Amino acid sequence: MMAGMESLNVELGERSYPIYIGPGLLDQAQQLRPALEGRRVAVISNTTVAPLYGERLRRSLAACGISGEPLWIELPDGEQHKTLATVETILTRLLEARLDRGSRIVALGGGVVGDIAGFAAAIYQRGIDFVQIPTTLLAQVDSSVGGKTGVNHPLGKNMIGAFHQPRAVLIDTDTLKTLPERELQAGLAEVIKYGLIRDPDFFAWLEAHIDELRALEPAALAHAIQRSCACKAEIVAADEREGGIRALLNLGHTFGHAIEAGMGYGAWLHGEAVGTGMAMAARMSEHMGWMTSAERERAEALIARAGLALEPPDAVTPERFRELMAIDKKVAAGRLRLVLLRGIGNAVLTDQFEDAALDHTLREHARVA
């Protein structure tokens, strides 16, 4: 194993795969050789990330023994491009290049690139293998792991997609050095989420080290990424297709997705919306009597210290929240289910909440029309 590199596995039987974490891995990607050697490869990236890291990845792919030159597909940057139309563009390029079922897709970029590339891999010729190389904190700790792929629809976020696990995830922590501060803050929302849903000790560690994470201190970042990936890997191994415990990973997401859709995709980053959504979930949990005011204040304080807003934009009214939340993927038999907190480190998925508590939370946080 390379010096400074950590690895862990997502245990899914014959579909298990490794996650490699460390600095400089883009330049020494030999860990990907088993997945890529002798294969034709299409790299999917975007116009922001490809100029930064494309050439380094090209050299590493050559060292992995791929077949011929990789096909490069650069997408426009931004959540607003996470659409079926973009996927169709990718599929057209793959077909024009005559990539076969033994080919591989490599996703180089943040969560949007990874979700789109993974979905294209899931449906191209009924499914080909792919590799994730996430370059944002949010993608490194969350979206690159677990096999959720898909695109947005104007009526709802991630409503079109498939479960399709990668063959490997390669996390080069050095890519965070070029990450804009806003993107870093968005990623911290997903890191905080793991502490809130099942790891109170990690939450306390984050309270002590959040300033180091915002300053990109290498040791702190490596620990936070490894701990987050380990938590996600454990949950995915126990519940790959979100029939139970995996739904807890959606803490803050039902509120957050409503913010994203209500504002128009791209106006708020996904992690920014999730951070606000977690604050709203904590407040609602307090209204339910499930969380003490002191715990709620700790949650809000850490979210705010990460640079995230505690309040949604005025444009998303309580009525608009309800309209958008009604088509969330967690709705079952016509009943909205929410991930709420029975204290820090103890999340639950429930439809047994008081409607008055939800109404109170929405009217407390969102502008009344």
Protein backbone atom coordinates (compact mmCIF):
# COMPACT_ATOMS: atom_id res chain seq x y z
CA MET A 1 0.00 0.00 0.00
CA MET A 2 1.22 3.51 -0.81
CA ALA A 3 2.52 5.65 2.03
CA GLY A 4 -0.23 7.86 3.42
CA MET A 5 -2.99 5.89 1.72
CA GLU A 6 -5.87 4.29 3.61
CA SER A 7 -8.33 1.81 2.19
CA LEU A 8 -11.60 0.23 3.21
CA ASN A 9 -14.19 -1.96 1.52
CA VAL A 10 -17.89 -1.69 0.84
CA GLU A 11 -18.94 -5.27 1.57
CA LEU A 12 -21.55 -6.38 -0.94
CA GLY A 13 -20.56 -9.97 -1.66
CA GLU A 14 -19.41 -10.42 -5.26
CA ARG A 15 -20.08 -6.69 -5.88
CA SER A 16 -17.83 -5.52 -3.04
CA TYR A 17 -15.38 -2.77 -3.92
CA PRO A 18 -12.52 -0.80 -2.38
CA ILE A 19 -12.30 2.87 -1.43
CA TYR A 20 -8.78 4.33 -1.56
CA ILE A 21 -8.10 7.56 0.34
CA GLY A 22 -4.93 9.62 0.36
CA PRO A 23 -2.89 12.48 -1.14
CA GLY A 24 -1.51 12.29 -4.66
CA LEU A 25 -3.53 9.24 -5.73
CA LEU A 26 -4.41 10.77 -9.09
CA ASP A 27 -0.76 10.45 -10.07
CA GLN A 28 -0.44 6.89 -8.82
CA ALA A 29 -3.73 5.24 -9.70
CA GLN A 30 -2.37 1.72 -10.09
CA GLN A 31 -5.06 0.60 -7.65
CA LEU A 32 -7.47 0.94 -10.58
CA ARG A 33 -5.56 -1.51 -12.79
CA PRO A 34 -7.74 -4.54 -11.88
CA ALA A 35 -10.85 -2.66 -12.99
CA LEU A 36 -9.42 -1.03 -16.11
CA GLU A 37 -6.55 -3.08 -17.57
CA GLY A 38 -7.14 -4.08 -21.18
CA ARG A 39 -10.44 -2.17 -21.34
CA ARG A 40 -11.60 0.73 -23.44
CA VAL A 41 -12.34 3.67 -21.15
CA ALA A 42 -14.55 6.75 -21.36
CA VAL A 43 -13.76 9.54 -18.90
CA ILE A 44 -16.69 11.76 -17.97
CA SER A 45 -15.77 15.05 -16.34
CA ASN A 46 -16.82 18.70 -16.61
CA THR A 47 -15.38 21.93 -17.95
CA THR A 48 -14.13 22.98 -14.51
CA VAL A 49 -12.45 19.77 -13.33
CA ALA A 50 -11.04 18.39 -16.59
CA PRO A 51 -8.57 21.27 -17.13
CA LEU A 52 -7.32 20.86 -13.55
CA TYR A 53 -6.85 17.10 -13.40
CA GLY A 54 -7.44 15.64 -16.85
CA GLU A 55 -3.83 15.35 -17.92
CA ARG A 56 -2.77 13.73 -14.65
CA LEU A 57 -5.56 11.18 -14.99
CA ARG A 58 -4.63 10.53 -18.62
CA ARG A 59 -1.10 9.55 -17.56
CA SER A 60 -2.39 7.33 -14.77
CA LEU A 61 -4.84 5.57 -17.08
CA ALA A 62 -2.00 4.79 -19.49
CA ALA A 63 -0.08 3.26 -16.59
CA CYS A 64 -3.14 1.11 -15.79
CA GLY A 65 -2.82 -0.57 -19.18
CA ILE A 66 -6.11 0.53 -20.72
CA SER A 67 -6.84 -0.26 -24.35
CA GLY A 68 -6.09 2.70 -26.61
CA GLU A 69 -6.73 6.35 -25.86
CA PRO A 70 -9.62 7.14 -23.49
CA LEU A 71 -12.74 8.83 -24.83
CA TRP A 72 -13.09 12.19 -23.06
CA ILE A 73 -16.55 13.63 -22.46
CA GLU A 74 -16.66 17.07 -20.82
CA LEU A 75 -20.01 18.23 -19.47
CA PRO A 76 -21.00 21.79 -18.58
CA ASP A 77 -20.60 22.44 -14.85
CA GLY A 78 -23.56 22.74 -12.50
CA GLU A 79 -26.58 20.99 -10.99
CA GLN A 80 -28.83 22.50 -13.67
CA HIS A 81 -27.19 20.16 -16.20
CA LYS A 82 -28.03 17.01 -14.23
CA THR A 83 -30.74 16.02 -16.70
CA LEU A 84 -31.84 13.27 -19.05
CA ALA A 85 -30.72 15.46 -21.94
CA THR A 86 -27.15 15.38 -20.64
CA VAL A 87 -27.31 11.60 -20.25
CA GLU A 88 -28.51 11.30 -23.84
CA THR A 89 -25.50 13.33 -24.97
CA ILE A 90 -23.19 10.92 -23.14
CA LEU A 91 -24.89 7.85 -24.60
CA THR A 92 -24.59 9.29 -28.09
CA ARG A 93 -20.84 9.81 -27.62
CA LEU A 94 -20.43 6.24 -26.31
CA LEU A 95 -22.33 4.80 -29.27
CA GLU A 96 -20.45 6.92 -31.79
CA ALA A 97 -17.18 5.63 -30.32
CA ARG A 98 -18.56 2.07 -30.45
CA LEU A 99 -17.75 1.27 -26.85
CA ASP A 100 -18.86 -2.28 -26.05
CA ARG A 101 -20.18 -3.95 -22.90
CA GLY A 102 -16.66 -4.65 -21.69
CA SER A 103 -15.78 -0.96 -21.65
CA ARG A 104 -15.48 1.14 -18.51
CA ILE A 105 -16.59 4.64 -17.52
CA VAL A 106 -14.45 6.74 -15.18
CA ALA A 107 -16.20 9.63 -13.40
CA LEU A 108 -13.83 12.52 -12.61
CA GLY A 109 -15.56 15.32 -10.73
CA GLY A 110 -18.04 16.15 -8.02
CA GLY A 111 -21.39 14.69 -7.14
CA VAL A 112 -23.16 15.84 -10.29
CA VAL A 113 -20.57 14.24 -12.57
CA GLY A 114 -20.54 11.05 -10.51
CA ASP A 115 -24.33 10.72 -10.49
CA ILE A 116 -24.67 11.36 -14.22
CA ALA A 117 -21.74 9.13 -15.21
CA GLY A 118 -22.96 6.34 -12.93
CA PHE A 119 -26.46 6.51 -14.40
CA ALA A 120 -25.08 6.42 -17.95
CA ALA A 121 -23.02 3.37 -16.96
CA ALA A 122 -26.10 1.72 -15.45
CA ILE A 123 -28.16 1.97 -18.63
CA TYR A 124 -25.61 1.82 -21.47
CA GLN A 125 -26.05 -1.59 -23.11
CA ARG A 126 -27.95 -2.61 -19.96
CA GLY A 127 -25.04 -1.80 -17.71
CA ILE A 128 -21.27 -1.43 -17.84
CA ASP A 129 -18.78 -1.03 -15.00
CA PHE A 130 -17.54 2.34 -13.79
CA VAL A 131 -15.06 3.89 -11.38
CA GLN A 132 -15.53 6.97 -9.21
CA ILE A 133 -12.77 9.58 -8.79
CA PRO A 134 -14.51 12.28 -6.71
CA THR A 135 -12.91 15.73 -6.51
CA THR A 136 -15.22 17.56 -4.07
CA LEU A 137 -15.60 16.91 -0.37
CA LEU A 138 -19.31 16.16 -0.75
CA ALA A 139 -18.64 13.55 -3.41
CA GLN A 140 -15.73 12.05 -1.48
CA VAL A 141 -17.69 11.49 1.72
CA ASP A 142 -21.10 10.70 0.28
CA SER A 143 -22.25 10.55 -3.32
CA SER A 144 -19.34 8.51 -4.77
CA VAL A 145 -20.01 5.65 -2.33
CA GLY A 146 -23.10 3.47 -2.31
CA GLY A 147 -24.20 3.16 -5.93
CA LYS A 148 -26.95 5.76 -6.08
CA THR A 149 -26.95 7.27 -9.56
CA GLY A 150 -29.41 9.46 -11.40
CA VAL A 151 -30.60 12.81 -12.65
CA ASN A 152 -33.11 15.45 -11.64
CA HIS A 153 -36.57 16.20 -12.99
CA PRO A 154 -38.21 19.64 -12.77
CA LEU A 155 -40.71 18.12 -10.33
CA GLY A 156 -38.14 16.55 -8.03
CA LYS A 157 -34.46 15.94 -7.34
CA ASN A 158 -32.94 12.54 -8.20
CA MET A 159 -36.32 11.15 -9.21
CA ILE A 160 -34.84 9.30 -12.22
CA GLY A 161 -32.00 6.89 -11.54
CA ALA A 162 -30.70 3.44 -10.70
CA PHE A 163 -28.65 1.63 -8.09
CA HIS A 164 -25.34 0.78 -9.77
CA GLN A 165 -22.27 0.17 -7.63
CA PRO A 166 -18.83 1.33 -8.83
CA ARG A 167 -15.92 -1.06 -9.18
CA ALA A 168 -13.69 1.21 -7.10
CA VAL A 169 -13.56 4.69 -5.55
CA LEU A 170 -10.29 6.65 -5.66
CA ILE A 171 -10.17 9.69 -3.36
CA ASP A 172 -7.22 12.04 -3.87
CA THR A 173 -7.44 14.42 -0.92
CA ASP A 174 -5.13 16.89 -2.69
CA THR A 175 -7.99 17.79 -5.07
CA LEU A 176 -9.63 19.67 -2.21
CA LYS A 177 -6.89 22.31 -2.44
CA THR A 178 -8.56 23.73 -5.56
CA LEU A 179 -12.08 23.51 -4.14
CA PRO A 180 -13.90 26.85 -3.70
CA GLU A 181 -14.79 27.61 -0.09
CA ARG A 182 -18.51 27.38 -0.83
CA GLU A 183 -18.08 23.83 -2.17
CA LEU A 184 -16.04 22.87 0.88
CA GLN A 185 -18.75 24.14 3.19
CA ALA A 186 -21.36 22.21 1.23
CA GLY A 187 -19.34 19.03 1.71
CA LEU A 188 -19.06 19.62 5.44
CA ALA A 189 -22.85 19.33 5.67
CA GLU A 190 -22.62 15.67 4.67
CA VAL A 191 -19.74 15.09 7.11
CA ILE A 192 -21.79 16.56 9.97
CA LYS A 193 -24.69 14.34 8.92
CA TYR A 194 -22.79 11.17 9.84
CA GLY A 195 -22.23 12.42 13.37
CA LEU A 196 -25.87 13.38 13.76
CA ILE A 197 -27.38 10.15 12.49
CA ARG A 198 -25.28 7.52 14.30
CA ASP A 199 -21.91 8.66 15.70
CA PRO A 200 -22.04 11.07 18.65
CA ASP A 201 -18.29 10.68 19.27
CA PHE A 202 -17.58 11.80 15.70
CA PHE A 203 -19.96 14.71 16.18
CA ALA A 204 -17.98 15.78 19.25
CA TRP A 205 -14.74 15.41 17.27
CA LEU A 206 -16.19 17.68 14.58
CA GLU A 207 -17.08 20.28 17.19
CA ALA A 208 -13.43 20.30 18.24
CA HIS A 209 -11.94 20.26 14.73
CA ILE A 210 -14.36 22.07 12.41
CA ASP A 211 -12.01 25.06 12.09
CA GLU A 212 -9.16 22.77 11.02
CA LEU A 213 -11.39 21.20 8.38
CA ARG A 214 -12.34 24.61 7.00
CA ALA A 215 -8.62 25.46 6.88
CA LEU A 216 -7.94 22.23 4.89
CA GLU A 217 -5.63 20.81 7.55
CA PRO A 218 -4.54 17.50 5.96
CA ALA A 219 -4.72 15.21 8.98
CA ALA A 220 -8.15 16.48 10.00
CA LEU A 221 -9.48 16.13 6.46
CA ALA A 222 -8.14 12.61 6.09
CA HIS A 223 -9.76 11.56 9.37
CA ALA A 224 -13.11 13.13 8.51
CA ILE A 225 -13.19 11.56 5.04
CA GLN A 226 -12.18 8.12 6.31
CA ARG A 227 -14.71 8.20 9.17
CA SER A 228 -17.50 9.37 6.87
CA CYS A 229 -16.74 6.75 4.21
CA ALA A 230 -16.56 4.01 6.84
CA CYS A 231 -19.98 5.00 8.18
CA LYS A 232 -21.48 5.10 4.69
CA ALA A 233 -19.88 1.76 3.77
CA GLU A 234 -21.34 0.08 6.87
CA ILE A 235 -24.82 1.38 6.13
CA VAL A 236 -24.72 0.46 2.43
CA ALA A 237 -23.45 -3.05 3.26
CA ALA A 238 -26.42 -3.51 5.60
CA ASP A 239 -29.03 -1.98 3.28
CA GLU A 240 -27.92 -1.52 -0.31
CA ARG A 241 -31.25 -0.41 -1.80
CA GLU A 242 -32.62 1.75 0.99
CA GLY A 243 -35.19 -0.65 2.37
CA GLY A 244 -34.38 0.31 5.95
CA ILE A 245 -31.36 1.83 7.70
CA ARG A 246 -29.95 3.45 4.56
CA ALA A 247 -32.82 5.94 4.56
CA LEU A 248 -31.20 7.56 7.61
CA LEU A 249 -28.58 8.99 5.23
CA ASN A 250 -31.34 11.32 4.05
CA LEU A 251 -31.29 13.42 7.22
CA GLY A 252 -32.06 16.98 6.11
CA HIS A 253 -32.56 15.89 2.51
CA THR A 254 -36.35 16.11 2.29
CA PHE A 255 -36.26 19.73 3.42
CA GLY A 256 -33.09 20.30 1.39
CA HIS A 257 -34.43 18.86 -1.86
CA ALA A 258 -37.45 21.15 -1.54
CA ILE A 259 -35.09 24.13 -1.26
CA GLU A 260 -33.12 23.03 -4.33
CA ALA A 261 -36.22 22.43 -6.45
CA GLY A 262 -37.98 25.53 -5.18
CA MET A 263 -35.03 27.79 -5.94
CA GLY A 264 -34.15 26.14 -9.26
CA TYR A 265 -31.33 23.60 -9.40
CA GLY A 266 -27.93 25.21 -8.99
CA ALA A 267 -29.05 28.30 -7.07
CA TRP A 268 -28.18 26.53 -3.81
CA LEU A 269 -25.57 23.78 -3.74
CA HIS A 270 -26.88 20.40 -2.61
CA GLY A 271 -24.82 20.44 0.59
CA GLU A 272 -25.92 23.97 1.41
CA ALA A 273 -29.56 22.89 1.17
CA VAL A 274 -28.87 19.76 3.24
CA GLY A 275 -27.22 21.85 5.96
CA THR A 276 -30.32 24.02 6.27
CA GLY A 277 -32.49 20.91 6.05
CA MET A 278 -30.65 19.33 8.98
CA ALA A 279 -31.21 22.47 11.05
CA MET A 280 -34.92 22.26 10.21
CA ALA A 281 -35.02 18.55 11.10
CA ALA A 282 -33.35 19.28 14.45
CA ARG A 283 -35.84 22.03 15.18
CA MET A 284 -38.77 19.76 14.30
CA SER A 285 -37.30 17.00 16.48
CA GLU A 286 -37.24 19.45 19.37
CA HIS A 287 -40.88 20.39 18.70
CA MET A 288 -41.71 16.67 18.88
CA GLY A 289 -40.02 16.40 22.25
CA TRP A 290 -37.45 13.99 20.80
CA MET A 291 -34.43 16.27 21.10
CA THR A 292 -33.50 18.64 23.92
CA SER A 293 -32.99 22.32 23.25
CA ALA A 294 -29.33 21.91 24.23
CA GLU A 295 -28.84 19.16 21.62
CA ARG A 296 -30.63 21.20 18.98
CA GLU A 297 -28.43 24.18 19.79
CA ARG A 298 -25.29 22.02 19.43
CA ALA A 299 -26.48 20.83 16.02
CA GLU A 300 -27.28 24.35 14.86
CA ALA A 301 -24.00 25.73 16.19
CA LEU A 302 -21.90 23.16 14.30
CA ILE A 303 -23.86 23.69 11.08
CA ALA A 304 -23.35 27.44 11.37
CA ARG A 305 -19.64 27.07 12.19
CA ALA A 306 -19.29 25.08 8.96
CA GLY A 307 -20.43 28.22 7.13
CA LEU A 308 -23.92 26.93 6.34
CA ALA A 309 -27.22 28.79 6.62
CA LEU A 310 -29.74 27.79 9.27
CA GLU A 311 -32.67 29.35 7.40
CA PRO A 312 -34.02 28.59 3.90
CA PRO A 313 -34.42 31.33 1.27
CA ASP A 314 -37.52 33.49 1.48
CA ALA A 315 -38.59 32.36 -1.99
CA VAL A 316 -39.55 28.90 -0.66
CA THR A 317 -42.72 29.46 1.33
CA PRO A 318 -44.27 26.92 3.75
CA GLU A 319 -46.88 26.12 1.10
CA ARG A 320 -44.17 25.52 -1.52
CA PHE A 321 -42.24 23.32 0.93
CA ARG A 322 -45.29 21.11 1.43
CA GLU A 323 -45.96 20.88 -2.30
CA LEU A 324 -42.41 19.77 -3.07
CA MET A 325 -42.04 17.47 -0.06
CA ALA A 326 -45.22 15.63 -1.13
CA ILE A 327 -43.36 14.12 -4.12
CA ASP A 328 -40.24 13.11 -2.18
CA LYS A 329 -38.97 9.56 -2.79
CA LYS A 330 -39.59 8.72 0.87
CA VAL A 331 -43.36 9.20 0.51
CA ALA A 332 -45.01 5.78 1.04
CA ALA A 333 -48.72 5.02 0.68
CA GLY A 334 -49.38 8.73 0.41
CA ARG A 335 -47.70 9.48 3.74
CA LEU A 336 -44.55 11.61 4.00
CA ARG A 337 -41.72 10.00 5.93
CA LEU A 338 -39.02 12.13 7.50
CA VAL A 339 -35.64 11.43 9.07
CA LEU A 340 -35.71 13.03 12.50
CA LEU A 341 -33.48 12.89 15.58
CA ARG A 342 -33.98 11.36 19.01
CA GLY A 343 -30.80 13.05 20.12
CA ILE A 344 -27.36 13.50 18.56
CA GLY A 345 -26.28 10.21 17.02
CA ASN A 346 -29.77 8.68 17.01
CA ALA A 347 -31.70 9.23 13.78
CA VAL A 348 -35.02 7.58 12.92
CA LEU A 349 -37.13 7.35 9.76
CA THR A 350 -40.76 7.91 10.66
CA ASP A 351 -44.18 8.83 9.37
CA GLN A 352 -45.41 9.05 12.95
CA PHE A 353 -44.86 12.74 13.41
CA GLU A 354 -47.28 15.41 14.45
CA ASP A 355 -48.42 17.44 11.48
CA ALA A 356 -48.54 20.45 13.75
CA ALA A 357 -44.80 20.04 14.44
CA LEU A 358 -44.04 20.06 10.71
CA ASP A 359 -46.30 23.07 10.19
CA HIS A 360 -44.65 24.87 13.11
CA THR A 361 -41.18 24.13 11.72
CA LEU A 362 -42.05 25.34 8.22
CA ARG A 363 -43.66 28.54 9.47
CA GLU A 364 -40.80 29.12 11.89
CA HIS A 365 -38.13 28.78 9.19
CA ALA A 366 -39.81 29.74 5.91
CA ARG A 367 -41.44 32.99 4.84
CA VAL A 368 -45.24 32.95 5.04
CA ALA A 369 -46.73 34.07 1.73
